[in-house]
Amino acid sequence: KVRIMVGISVIVPVHNSQCWLDECLKSVWEQDFKQTMELSIFNDASKDGSAEIIAKWKIKLEDAGVPVVVGSNDSAQPRGVGFAKNQAIMQSSGTYLCFLDSDDVMMPQRVRLQYEAAIQHPNSIIGCQVRREPPESTERYTRWINNLTEEQLLTQVFTSHGPTVIMPTWFCSREWFYHVGKFDEGGKVSDTLIQIHVGLFCVSDLRGFGSSGFSEILESIPLIVTAFCDVDEKKIAKGFYTFEESEERPKPKIPICHFREATPPFIICVKQDLTGGAFEMNLNMLNLKEGMDYYHFN
């Protein structure tokens, strides 16, 4: 069978997705992109009605001029989302790849706008803003996704939120995808062998830790903590924390100072958007440059 090259392949991995799949595939059908586009969908050992929904939408999409390529893992066990995405990509033919999770929907203009951006930036992964349903779910995460600056796309990759360009919004050229490499299919990440250089450091913002928090930190890293930084005037006035659990005599005393006395560079392990703006205001007060003077790591 001759494979016809198309401009864009929409890549959809599926596993037991019948609750959302109708709406997901409807959003592919509603795209306003006028050039050639196909749907490449891989069903990874679904046990629900996903296969029937795929078959129904294959007819409807192809009637609308959108070819549909369907692959499946028919074994008893799923192989995982990385495997399913790789299979969907390998069976597709588009010059560009548009990733779509089976429990997500696309706005009608998504493919068109990301394609236009990818033409301008061929060696990039193109993302986009998102809207959550229901709107109040994961409010902090959604605000973070939608308000990152261009610089923060690089500097905030170490936060607990994960990649700054979130996976369900990815759009890139096939050439660039293979240049970077396929998705990992191994499941859990193995223990990584890393040589770590640790310097002396201070620990900032211990609100809510209590005495047990100080102790836990000092028990794990007693030789490299030189100070605790805080905003609590009572702790700062006391001037030090005594490590009572230590077997040393005299017991070690760790200085407590105001956070303004700390010297960059900083690795900031405090979650953002949780203190009504107080943490962010304190950070802005220091007039530091993110990516040079500090990184968020939380």
C-alpha atoms as a PDB file:
ATOM      1  CA  LYS A   1       0.000   0.000   0.000  1.00  0.00           C
ATOM      2  CA  VAL A   2       1.414   3.368  -1.028  1.00  0.00           C
ATOM      3  CA  ARG A   3       1.650   5.806   1.862  1.00  0.00           C
ATOM      4  CA  ILE A   4       0.663   9.339   0.912  1.00  0.00           C
ATOM      5  CA  MET A   5       2.718  12.021   2.641  1.00  0.00           C
ATOM      6  CA  VAL A   6       0.687  14.584   4.551  1.00  0.00           C
ATOM      7  CA  GLY A   7       1.554  17.858   6.216  1.00  0.00           C
ATOM      8  CA  ILE A   8       0.594  16.988   9.769  1.00  0.00           C
ATOM      9  CA  SER A   9       0.030  13.804  11.744  1.00  0.00           C
ATOM     10  CA  VAL A  10      -2.041  14.119  14.901  1.00  0.00           C
ATOM     11  CA  ILE A  11      -0.539  11.566  17.319  1.00  0.00           C
ATOM     12  CA  VAL A  12      -2.982  10.000  19.799  1.00  0.00           C
ATOM     13  CA  PRO A  13      -2.009   7.142  22.173  1.00  0.00           C
ATOM     14  CA  VAL A  14      -5.031   5.346  23.648  1.00  0.00           C
ATOM     15  CA  HIS A  15      -5.475   3.073  26.649  1.00  0.00           C
ATOM     16  CA  ASN A  16      -8.952   2.534  28.131  1.00  0.00           C
ATOM     17  CA  SER A  17     -10.064   6.002  27.046  1.00  0.00           C
ATOM     18  CA  GLN A  18     -13.713   5.460  26.166  1.00  0.00           C
ATOM     19  CA  CYS A  19     -14.924   8.103  28.643  1.00  0.00           C
ATOM     20  CA  TRP A  20     -13.134  10.910  26.790  1.00  0.00           C
ATOM     21  CA  LEU A  21     -12.294   9.582  23.341  1.00  0.00           C
ATOM     22  CA  ASP A  22     -15.420  10.782  21.535  1.00  0.00           C
ATOM     23  CA  GLU A  23     -14.808  14.384  22.539  1.00  0.00           C
ATOM     24  CA  CYS A  24     -11.086  14.083  21.813  1.00  0.00           C
ATOM     25  CA  LEU A  25     -11.566  12.789  18.256  1.00  0.00           C
ATOM     26  CA  LYS A  26     -14.362  15.256  17.609  1.00  0.00           C
ATOM     27  CA  SER A  27     -11.842  18.041  18.266  1.00  0.00           C
ATOM     28  CA  VAL A  28      -9.617  16.580  15.519  1.00  0.00           C
ATOM     29  CA  TRP A  29     -12.586  16.594  13.145  1.00  0.00           C
ATOM     30  CA  GLU A  30     -13.303  20.261  14.019  1.00  0.00           C
ATOM     31  CA  GLN A  31      -9.840  21.601  13.163  1.00  0.00           C
ATOM     32  CA  ASP A  32      -9.855  24.562  10.758  1.00  0.00           C
ATOM     33  CA  PHE A  33      -6.493  23.571   9.207  1.00  0.00           C
ATOM     34  CA  LYS A  34      -6.896  23.609   5.421  1.00  0.00           C
ATOM     35  CA  GLN A  35      -3.820  21.646   4.363  1.00  0.00           C
ATOM     36  CA  THR A  36      -3.289  17.878   4.503  1.00  0.00           C
ATOM     37  CA  MET A  37      -3.655  16.253   7.914  1.00  0.00           C
ATOM     38  CA  GLU A  38      -3.990  12.682   9.172  1.00  0.00           C
ATOM     39  CA  LEU A  39      -4.839  11.054  12.476  1.00  0.00           C
ATOM     40  CA  SER A  40      -2.441   8.374  13.712  1.00  0.00           C
ATOM     41  CA  ILE A  41      -3.890   6.542  16.681  1.00  0.00           C
ATOM     42  CA  PHE A  42      -2.412   3.606  18.590  1.00  0.00           C
ATOM     43  CA  ASN A  43      -4.620   1.515  20.870  1.00  0.00           C
ATOM     44  CA  ASP A  44      -2.454   0.065  23.625  1.00  0.00           C
ATOM     45  CA  ALA A  45      -4.316  -3.032  24.879  1.00  0.00           C
ATOM     46  CA  SER A  46      -7.539  -1.241  25.806  1.00  0.00           C
ATOM     47  CA  LYS A  47     -10.156  -3.451  27.469  1.00  0.00           C
ATOM     48  CA  ASP A  48     -13.049  -0.997  27.227  1.00  0.00           C
ATOM     49  CA  GLY A  49     -14.934   0.366  24.224  1.00  0.00           C
ATOM     50  CA  SER A  50     -12.064   2.456  22.842  1.00  0.00           C
ATOM     51  CA  ALA A  51     -11.655   0.308  19.696  1.00  0.00           C
ATOM     52  CA  GLU A  52     -15.305   0.782  18.709  1.00  0.00           C
ATOM     53  CA  ILE A  53     -15.063   4.553  19.173  1.00  0.00           C
ATOM     54  CA  ILE A  54     -11.906   4.635  17.045  1.00  0.00           C
ATOM     55  CA  ALA A  55     -13.640   2.660  14.278  1.00  0.00           C
ATOM     56  CA  LYS A  56     -16.613   5.042  14.309  1.00  0.00           C
ATOM     57  CA  TRP A  57     -14.451   8.150  14.046  1.00  0.00           C
ATOM     58  CA  LYS A  58     -12.219   6.598  11.381  1.00  0.00           C
ATOM     59  CA  ILE A  59     -15.223   6.552   9.035  1.00  0.00           C
ATOM     60  CA  LYS A  60     -16.303  10.075   9.933  1.00  0.00           C
ATOM     61  CA  LEU A  61     -12.829  11.602   9.648  1.00  0.00           C
ATOM     62  CA  GLU A  62     -12.029   9.899   6.350  1.00  0.00           C
ATOM     63  CA  ASP A  63     -15.371  11.094   4.946  1.00  0.00           C
ATOM     64  CA  ALA A  64     -14.145  14.600   5.839  1.00  0.00           C
ATOM     65  CA  GLY A  65     -10.841  14.033   4.004  1.00  0.00           C
ATOM     66  CA  VAL A  66      -8.678  13.196   7.023  1.00  0.00           C
ATOM     67  CA  PRO A  67      -6.908   9.819   6.631  1.00  0.00           C
ATOM     68  CA  VAL A  68      -6.795   7.699   9.788  1.00  0.00           C
ATOM     69  CA  VAL A  69      -4.021   5.209  10.570  1.00  0.00           C
ATOM     70  CA  VAL A  70      -4.830   2.796  13.398  1.00  0.00           C
ATOM     71  CA  GLY A  71      -2.372   0.502  15.143  1.00  0.00           C
ATOM     72  CA  SER A  72      -2.827  -1.645  18.206  1.00  0.00           C
ATOM     73  CA  ASN A  73      -1.157  -3.744  20.833  1.00  0.00           C
ATOM     74  CA  ASP A  74      -3.465  -6.738  21.183  1.00  0.00           C
ATOM     75  CA  SER A  75      -1.612  -8.438  24.018  1.00  0.00           C
ATOM     76  CA  ALA A  76      -2.993  -8.781  27.530  1.00  0.00           C
ATOM     77  CA  GLN A  77      -0.849  -5.998  28.952  1.00  0.00           C
ATOM     78  CA  PRO A  78      -0.303  -2.394  27.774  1.00  0.00           C
ATOM     79  CA  ARG A  79       3.236  -1.423  26.810  1.00  0.00           C
ATOM     80  CA  GLY A  80       2.980   2.120  28.166  1.00  0.00           C
ATOM     81  CA  VAL A  81       2.433   5.617  26.860  1.00  0.00           C
ATOM     82  CA  GLY A  82       5.991   6.003  25.512  1.00  0.00           C
ATOM     83  CA  PHE A  83       5.611   2.853  23.431  1.00  0.00           C
ATOM     84  CA  ALA A  84       2.165   3.900  22.179  1.00  0.00           C
ATOM     85  CA  LYS A  85       3.396   7.332  21.104  1.00  0.00           C
ATOM     86  CA  ASN A  86       6.422   5.885  19.331  1.00  0.00           C
ATOM     87  CA  GLN A  87       4.235   3.385  17.482  1.00  0.00           C
ATOM     88  CA  ALA A  88       1.781   6.093  16.443  1.00  0.00           C
ATOM     89  CA  ILE A  89       4.651   8.195  15.120  1.00  0.00           C
ATOM     90  CA  MET A  90       6.295   5.342  13.227  1.00  0.00           C
ATOM     91  CA  GLN A  91       3.062   4.396  11.464  1.00  0.00           C
ATOM     92  CA  SER A  92       2.336   8.027  10.526  1.00  0.00           C
ATOM     93  CA  SER A  93       3.639  10.017   7.563  1.00  0.00           C
ATOM     94  CA  GLY A  94       3.247  13.703   8.426  1.00  0.00           C
ATOM     95  CA  THR A  95       6.093  16.166   8.061  1.00  0.00           C
ATOM     96  CA  TYR A  96       4.955  17.632  11.385  1.00  0.00           C
ATOM     97  CA  LEU A  97       3.677  15.896  14.523  1.00  0.00           C
ATOM     98  CA  CYS A  98       0.876  17.250  16.699  1.00  0.00           C
ATOM     99  CA  PHE A  99       0.552  15.408  20.018  1.00  0.00           C
ATOM    100  CA  LEU A 100      -2.863  14.942  21.597  1.00  0.00           C
ATOM    101  CA  ASP A 101      -3.713  12.962  24.731  1.00  0.00           C
ATOM    102  CA  SER A 102      -6.851  10.859  24.499  1.00  0.00           C
ATOM    103  CA  ASP A 103      -8.426  12.649  27.480  1.00  0.00           C
ATOM    104  CA  ASP A 104      -7.823  16.127  26.021  1.00  0.00           C
ATOM    105  CA  VAL A 105      -9.521  18.213  23.354  1.00  0.00           C
ATOM    106  CA  MET A 106      -8.079  20.776  20.937  1.00  0.00           C
ATOM    107  CA  MET A 107      -9.432  24.206  20.147  1.00  0.00           C
ATOM    108  CA  PRO A 108     -10.342  24.386  16.414  1.00  0.00           C
ATOM    109  CA  GLN A 109      -7.392  26.656  15.580  1.00  0.00           C
ATOM    110  CA  ARG A 110      -4.700  24.685  17.399  1.00  0.00           C
ATOM    111  CA  VAL A 111      -3.174  22.761  14.481  1.00  0.00           C
ATOM    112  CA  ARG A 112      -3.202  25.782  12.181  1.00  0.00           C
ATOM    113  CA  LEU A 113      -1.557  28.157  14.653  1.00  0.00           C
ATOM    114  CA  GLN A 114       1.083  25.708  15.849  1.00  0.00           C
ATOM    115  CA  TYR A 115       1.909  24.757  12.270  1.00  0.00           C
ATOM    116  CA  GLU A 116       2.482  28.427  11.435  1.00  0.00           C
ATOM    117  CA  ALA A 117       4.767  28.770  14.475  1.00  0.00           C
ATOM    118  CA  ALA A 118       6.667  25.573  13.615  1.00  0.00           C
ATOM    119  CA  ILE A 119       7.390  26.872  10.117  1.00  0.00           C
ATOM    120  CA  GLN A 120       9.045  29.902  11.714  1.00  0.00           C
ATOM    121  CA  HIS A 121      10.921  27.808  14.318  1.00  0.00           C
ATOM    122  CA  PRO A 122      11.756  24.456  12.690  1.00  0.00           C
ATOM    123  CA  ASN A 123      14.205  23.352  15.400  1.00  0.00           C
ATOM    124  CA  SER A 124      11.796  23.854  18.276  1.00  0.00           C
ATOM    125  CA  ILE A 125       9.050  22.141  20.218  1.00  0.00           C
ATOM    126  CA  ILE A 126       6.001  24.380  19.955  1.00  0.00           C
ATOM    127  CA  GLY A 127       3.608  24.480  22.899  1.00  0.00           C
ATOM    128  CA  CYS A 128       0.539  26.516  23.752  1.00  0.00           C
ATOM    129  CA  GLN A 129      -1.585  27.734  26.622  1.00  0.00           C
ATOM    130  CA  VAL A 130      -4.254  25.486  28.097  1.00  0.00           C
ATOM    131  CA  ARG A 131      -7.700  25.691  29.631  1.00  0.00           C
ATOM    132  CA  ARG A 132      -8.706  23.217  32.312  1.00  0.00           C
ATOM    133  CA  GLU A 133     -12.103  21.604  32.729  1.00  0.00           C
ATOM    134  CA  PRO A 134     -13.482  22.176  35.288  1.00  0.00           C
ATOM    135  CA  PRO A 135     -11.872  25.646  35.426  1.00  0.00           C
ATOM    136  CA  GLU A 136     -11.039  25.492  39.151  1.00  0.00           C
ATOM    137  CA  SER A 137      -9.016  22.268  38.875  1.00  0.00           C
ATOM    138  CA  THR A 138      -5.226  22.595  39.329  1.00  0.00           C
ATOM    139  CA  GLU A 139      -5.455  26.402  39.399  1.00  0.00           C
ATOM    140  CA  ARG A 140      -1.819  26.966  40.434  1.00  0.00           C
ATOM    141  CA  TYR A 141      -0.501  24.607  37.761  1.00  0.00           C
ATOM    142  CA  THR A 142      -2.651  26.189  35.049  1.00  0.00           C
ATOM    143  CA  ARG A 143      -1.528  29.706  36.006  1.00  0.00           C
ATOM    144  CA  TRP A 144       2.081  28.560  35.887  1.00  0.00           C
ATOM    145  CA  ILE A 145       1.675  26.997  32.423  1.00  0.00           C
ATOM    146  CA  ASN A 146      -0.055  30.014  30.945  1.00  0.00           C
ATOM    147  CA  ASN A 147       2.115  32.787  32.400  1.00  0.00           C
ATOM    148  CA  LEU A 148       5.685  31.621  31.803  1.00  0.00           C
ATOM    149  CA  THR A 149       7.910  34.154  30.060  1.00  0.00           C
ATOM    150  CA  GLU A 150      10.168  33.144  27.198  1.00  0.00           C
ATOM    151  CA  GLU A 151      13.148  33.122  29.573  1.00  0.00           C
ATOM    152  CA  GLN A 152      11.292  31.032  32.166  1.00  0.00           C
ATOM    153  CA  LEU A 153      10.680  28.312  29.597  1.00  0.00           C
ATOM    154  CA  LEU A 154      14.365  27.566  30.153  1.00  0.00           C
ATOM    155  CA  THR A 155      14.952  28.597  33.758  1.00  0.00           C
ATOM    156  CA  GLN A 156      11.961  26.837  35.364  1.00  0.00           C
ATOM    157  CA  VAL A 157      12.474  23.363  33.936  1.00  0.00           C
ATOM    158  CA  PHE A 158      13.600  22.093  37.364  1.00  0.00           C
ATOM    159  CA  THR A 159      10.319  22.701  39.190  1.00  0.00           C
ATOM    160  CA  SER A 160       7.945  19.983  40.382  1.00  0.00           C
ATOM    161  CA  HIS A 161       5.515  20.997  37.631  1.00  0.00           C
ATOM    162  CA  GLY A 162       7.719  19.240  35.090  1.00  0.00           C
ATOM    163  CA  PRO A 163       8.576  20.439  31.555  1.00  0.00           C
ATOM    164  CA  THR A 164       7.736  24.093  30.966  1.00  0.00           C
ATOM    165  CA  VAL A 165       6.283  23.192  27.555  1.00  0.00           C
ATOM    166  CA  ILE A 166       3.834  20.564  28.759  1.00  0.00           C
ATOM    167  CA  MET A 167       3.584  17.360  26.760  1.00  0.00           C
ATOM    168  CA  PRO A 168      -0.088  17.455  25.692  1.00  0.00           C
ATOM    169  CA  THR A 169       0.621  20.694  23.795  1.00  0.00           C
ATOM    170  CA  TRP A 170       3.704  19.567  21.844  1.00  0.00           C
ATOM    171  CA  PHE A 171       3.998  20.197  18.116  1.00  0.00           C
ATOM    172  CA  CYS A 172       7.239  19.684  16.188  1.00  0.00           C
ATOM    173  CA  SER A 173       8.685  18.512  12.909  1.00  0.00           C
ATOM    174  CA  ARG A 174       9.242  14.803  12.395  1.00  0.00           C
ATOM    175  CA  GLU A 175      12.873  15.571  11.592  1.00  0.00           C
ATOM    176  CA  TRP A 176      13.355  17.358  14.909  1.00  0.00           C
ATOM    177  CA  PHE A 177      11.625  14.573  16.835  1.00  0.00           C
ATOM    178  CA  TYR A 178      14.018  11.956  15.481  1.00  0.00           C
ATOM    179  CA  HIS A 179      16.954  14.298  16.024  1.00  0.00           C
ATOM    180  CA  VAL A 180      16.083  14.523  19.742  1.00  0.00           C
ATOM    181  CA  GLY A 181      15.147  10.849  20.023  1.00  0.00           C
ATOM    182  CA  LYS A 182      12.089   8.692  20.599  1.00  0.00           C
ATOM    183  CA  PHE A 183      10.120   8.472  23.832  1.00  0.00           C
ATOM    184  CA  ASP A 184      11.538   6.258  26.549  1.00  0.00           C
ATOM    185  CA  GLU A 185       9.697   2.949  26.772  1.00  0.00           C
ATOM    186  CA  GLY A 186      11.378   1.616  29.891  1.00  0.00           C
ATOM    187  CA  GLY A 187       8.872   2.745  32.486  1.00  0.00           C
ATOM    188  CA  LYS A 188      10.397   3.911  35.749  1.00  0.00           C
ATOM    189  CA  VAL A 189      13.668   5.789  35.574  1.00  0.00           C
ATOM    190  CA  SER A 190      16.513   3.742  37.010  1.00  0.00           C
ATOM    191  CA  ASP A 191      18.806   5.068  39.703  1.00  0.00           C
ATOM    192  CA  THR A 192      21.048   7.548  37.958  1.00  0.00           C
ATOM    193  CA  LEU A 193      24.758   7.524  38.657  1.00  0.00           C
ATOM    194  CA  ILE A 194      25.775  11.125  39.221  1.00  0.00           C
ATOM    195  CA  GLN A 195      28.879  12.651  40.711  1.00  0.00           C
ATOM    196  CA  ILE A 196      27.616  15.507  42.873  1.00  0.00           C
ATOM    197  CA  HIS A 197      29.755  18.401  44.025  1.00  0.00           C
ATOM    198  CA  VAL A 198      28.255  19.807  47.216  1.00  0.00           C
ATOM    199  CA  GLY A 199      29.376  23.123  48.639  1.00  0.00           C
ATOM    200  CA  LEU A 200      28.439  24.761  51.900  1.00  0.00           C
ATOM    201  CA  PHE A 201      24.960  26.220  51.838  1.00  0.00           C
ATOM    202  CA  CYS A 202      22.251  27.855  53.883  1.00  0.00           C
ATOM    203  CA  VAL A 203      18.615  26.747  54.089  1.00  0.00           C
ATOM    204  CA  SER A 204      15.955  29.399  53.538  1.00  0.00           C
ATOM    205  CA  ASP A 205      12.276  29.637  54.486  1.00  0.00           C
ATOM    206  CA  LEU A 206      11.531  27.124  57.226  1.00  0.00           C
ATOM    207  CA  ARG A 207       8.041  28.363  58.057  1.00  0.00           C
ATOM    208  CA  GLY A 208       5.924  25.453  59.205  1.00  0.00           C
ATOM    209  CA  PHE A 209       8.897  23.157  59.758  1.00  0.00           C
ATOM    210  CA  GLY A 210       9.054  23.481  63.544  1.00  0.00           C
ATOM    211  CA  SER A 211      11.967  22.060  65.492  1.00  0.00           C
ATOM    212  CA  SER A 212      11.596  18.669  63.823  1.00  0.00           C
ATOM    213  CA  GLY A 213      12.221  20.248  60.424  1.00  0.00           C
ATOM    214  CA  PHE A 214      15.531  21.713  61.566  1.00  0.00           C
ATOM    215  CA  SER A 215      16.542  18.368  63.023  1.00  0.00           C
ATOM    216  CA  GLU A 216      15.640  16.375  59.916  1.00  0.00           C
ATOM    217  CA  ILE A 217      17.731  18.667  57.725  1.00  0.00           C
ATOM    218  CA  LEU A 218      20.707  18.576  60.047  1.00  0.00           C
ATOM    219  CA  GLU A 219      20.553  14.800  60.461  1.00  0.00           C
ATOM    220  CA  SER A 220      20.774  14.316  56.691  1.00  0.00           C
ATOM    221  CA  ILE A 221      23.281  17.054  55.844  1.00  0.00           C
ATOM    222  CA  PRO A 222      24.900  18.183  59.117  1.00  0.00           C
ATOM    223  CA  LEU A 223      28.332  19.098  57.800  1.00  0.00           C
ATOM    224  CA  ILE A 224      27.330  21.387  54.961  1.00  0.00           C
ATOM    225  CA  VAL A 225      24.566  23.571  56.440  1.00  0.00           C
ATOM    226  CA  THR A 226      26.144  26.859  57.494  1.00  0.00           C
ATOM    227  CA  ALA A 227      22.980  28.836  58.294  1.00  0.00           C
ATOM    228  CA  PHE A 228      19.194  28.924  58.261  1.00  0.00           C
ATOM    229  CA  CYS A 229      17.500  31.902  56.589  1.00  0.00           C
ATOM    230  CA  ASP A 230      14.047  32.994  57.686  1.00  0.00           C
ATOM    231  CA  VAL A 231      11.493  35.804  57.830  1.00  0.00           C
ATOM    232  CA  ASP A 232      10.309  35.001  61.353  1.00  0.00           C
ATOM    233  CA  GLU A 233      11.524  37.860  63.562  1.00  0.00           C
ATOM    234  CA  LYS A 234      11.491  35.704  66.714  1.00  0.00           C
ATOM    235  CA  LYS A 235      13.752  33.073  65.174  1.00  0.00           C
ATOM    236  CA  ILE A 236      16.042  35.745  63.748  1.00  0.00           C
ATOM    237  CA  ALA A 237      16.211  37.544  67.119  1.00  0.00           C
ATOM    238  CA  LYS A 238      17.230  34.299  68.844  1.00  0.00           C
ATOM    239  CA  GLY A 239      20.109  34.099  66.397  1.00  0.00           C
ATOM    240  CA  PHE A 240      20.732  30.366  66.265  1.00  0.00           C
ATOM    241  CA  TYR A 241      19.199  26.898  66.320  1.00  0.00           C
ATOM    242  CA  THR A 242      20.640  24.276  68.669  1.00  0.00           C
ATOM    243  CA  PHE A 243      20.829  20.784  67.191  1.00  0.00           C
ATOM    244  CA  GLU A 244      19.644  18.995  70.332  1.00  0.00           C
ATOM    245  CA  GLU A 245      19.630  15.526  68.750  1.00  0.00           C
ATOM    246  CA  SER A 246      23.349  15.702  67.996  1.00  0.00           C
ATOM    247  CA  GLU A 247      25.696  13.477  69.987  1.00  0.00           C
ATOM    248  CA  GLU A 248      28.398  16.138  69.786  1.00  0.00           C
ATOM    249  CA  ARG A 249      29.392  18.086  72.865  1.00  0.00           C
ATOM    250  CA  PRO A 250      28.859  20.973  72.954  1.00  0.00           C
ATOM    251  CA  LYS A 251      25.782  20.629  70.766  1.00  0.00           C
ATOM    252  CA  PRO A 252      26.136  22.356  67.372  1.00  0.00           C
ATOM    253  CA  LYS A 253      24.493  25.745  66.979  1.00  0.00           C
ATOM    254  CA  ILE A 254      23.469  26.837  63.483  1.00  0.00           C
ATOM    255  CA  PRO A 255      23.021  30.597  62.884  1.00  0.00           C
ATOM    256  CA  ILE A 256      19.591  31.914  61.841  1.00  0.00           C
ATOM    257  CA  CYS A 257      19.693  35.087  59.750  1.00  0.00           C
ATOM    258  CA  HIS A 258      17.313  37.202  57.691  1.00  0.00           C
ATOM    259  CA  PHE A 259      16.952  35.998  54.096  1.00  0.00           C
ATOM    260  CA  ARG A 260      18.304  39.343  52.827  1.00  0.00           C
ATOM    261  CA  GLU A 261      21.681  38.477  54.342  1.00  0.00           C
ATOM    262  CA  ALA A 262      22.132  35.387  52.164  1.00  0.00           C
ATOM    263  CA  THR A 263      24.445  35.628  49.165  1.00  0.00           C
ATOM    264  CA  PRO A 264      23.535  34.270  45.716  1.00  0.00           C
ATOM    265  CA  PRO A 265      23.559  32.038  43.763  1.00  0.00           C
ATOM    266  CA  PHE A 266      20.428  30.386  45.195  1.00  0.00           C
ATOM    267  CA  ILE A 267      18.599  27.144  44.526  1.00  0.00           C
ATOM    268  CA  ILE A 268      15.087  27.982  45.734  1.00  0.00           C
ATOM    269  CA  CYS A 269      13.124  24.976  46.994  1.00  0.00           C
ATOM    270  CA  VAL A 270       9.918  26.814  47.840  1.00  0.00           C
ATOM    271  CA  LYS A 271       6.701  26.251  45.890  1.00  0.00           C
ATOM    272  CA  GLN A 272       5.437  29.309  44.058  1.00  0.00           C
ATOM    273  CA  ASP A 273       1.977  30.881  44.216  1.00  0.00           C
ATOM    274  CA  LEU A 274       1.145  29.481  47.663  1.00  0.00           C
ATOM    275  CA  THR A 275       1.677  32.413  50.049  1.00  0.00           C
ATOM    276  CA  GLY A 276      -0.614  35.083  48.646  1.00  0.00           C
ATOM    277  CA  GLY A 277       2.336  36.699  46.883  1.00  0.00           C
ATOM    278  CA  ALA A 278       4.476  37.097  50.034  1.00  0.00           C
ATOM    279  CA  PHE A 279       7.244  34.763  48.874  1.00  0.00           C
ATOM    280  CA  GLU A 280       7.355  36.307  45.399  1.00  0.00           C
ATOM    281  CA  MET A 281       7.454  39.823  46.906  1.00  0.00           C
ATOM    282  CA  ASN A 282      10.388  38.887  49.135  1.00  0.00           C
ATOM    283  CA  LEU A 283      12.224  37.402  46.169  1.00  0.00           C
ATOM    284  CA  ASN A 284      11.605  40.472  43.991  1.00  0.00           C
ATOM    285  CA  MET A 285      12.917  42.650  46.812  1.00  0.00           C
ATOM    286  CA  LEU A 286      16.386  41.151  46.306  1.00  0.00           C
ATOM    287  CA  ASN A 287      16.609  42.391  42.675  1.00  0.00           C
ATOM    288  CA  LEU A 288      18.038  39.106  41.437  1.00  0.00           C
ATOM    289  CA  LYS A 289      18.045  37.699  37.907  1.00  0.00           C
ATOM    290  CA  GLU A 290      16.439  34.296  37.449  1.00  0.00           C
ATOM    291  CA  GLY A 291      18.746  31.904  35.632  1.00  0.00           C
ATOM    292  CA  MET A 292      21.820  33.761  36.854  1.00  0.00           C
ATOM    293  CA  ASP A 293      21.356  34.486  40.556  1.00  0.00           C
ATOM    294  CA  TYR A 294      18.789  31.782  41.278  1.00  0.00           C
ATOM    295  CA  TYR A 295      16.816  28.830  39.955  1.00  0.00           C
ATOM    296  CA  HIS A 296      13.538  27.427  41.212  1.00  0.00           C
ATOM    297  CA  PHE A 297      13.944  23.766  42.176  1.00  0.00           C
ATOM    298  CA  ASN A 298      10.861  22.386  43.883  1.00  0.00           C
END
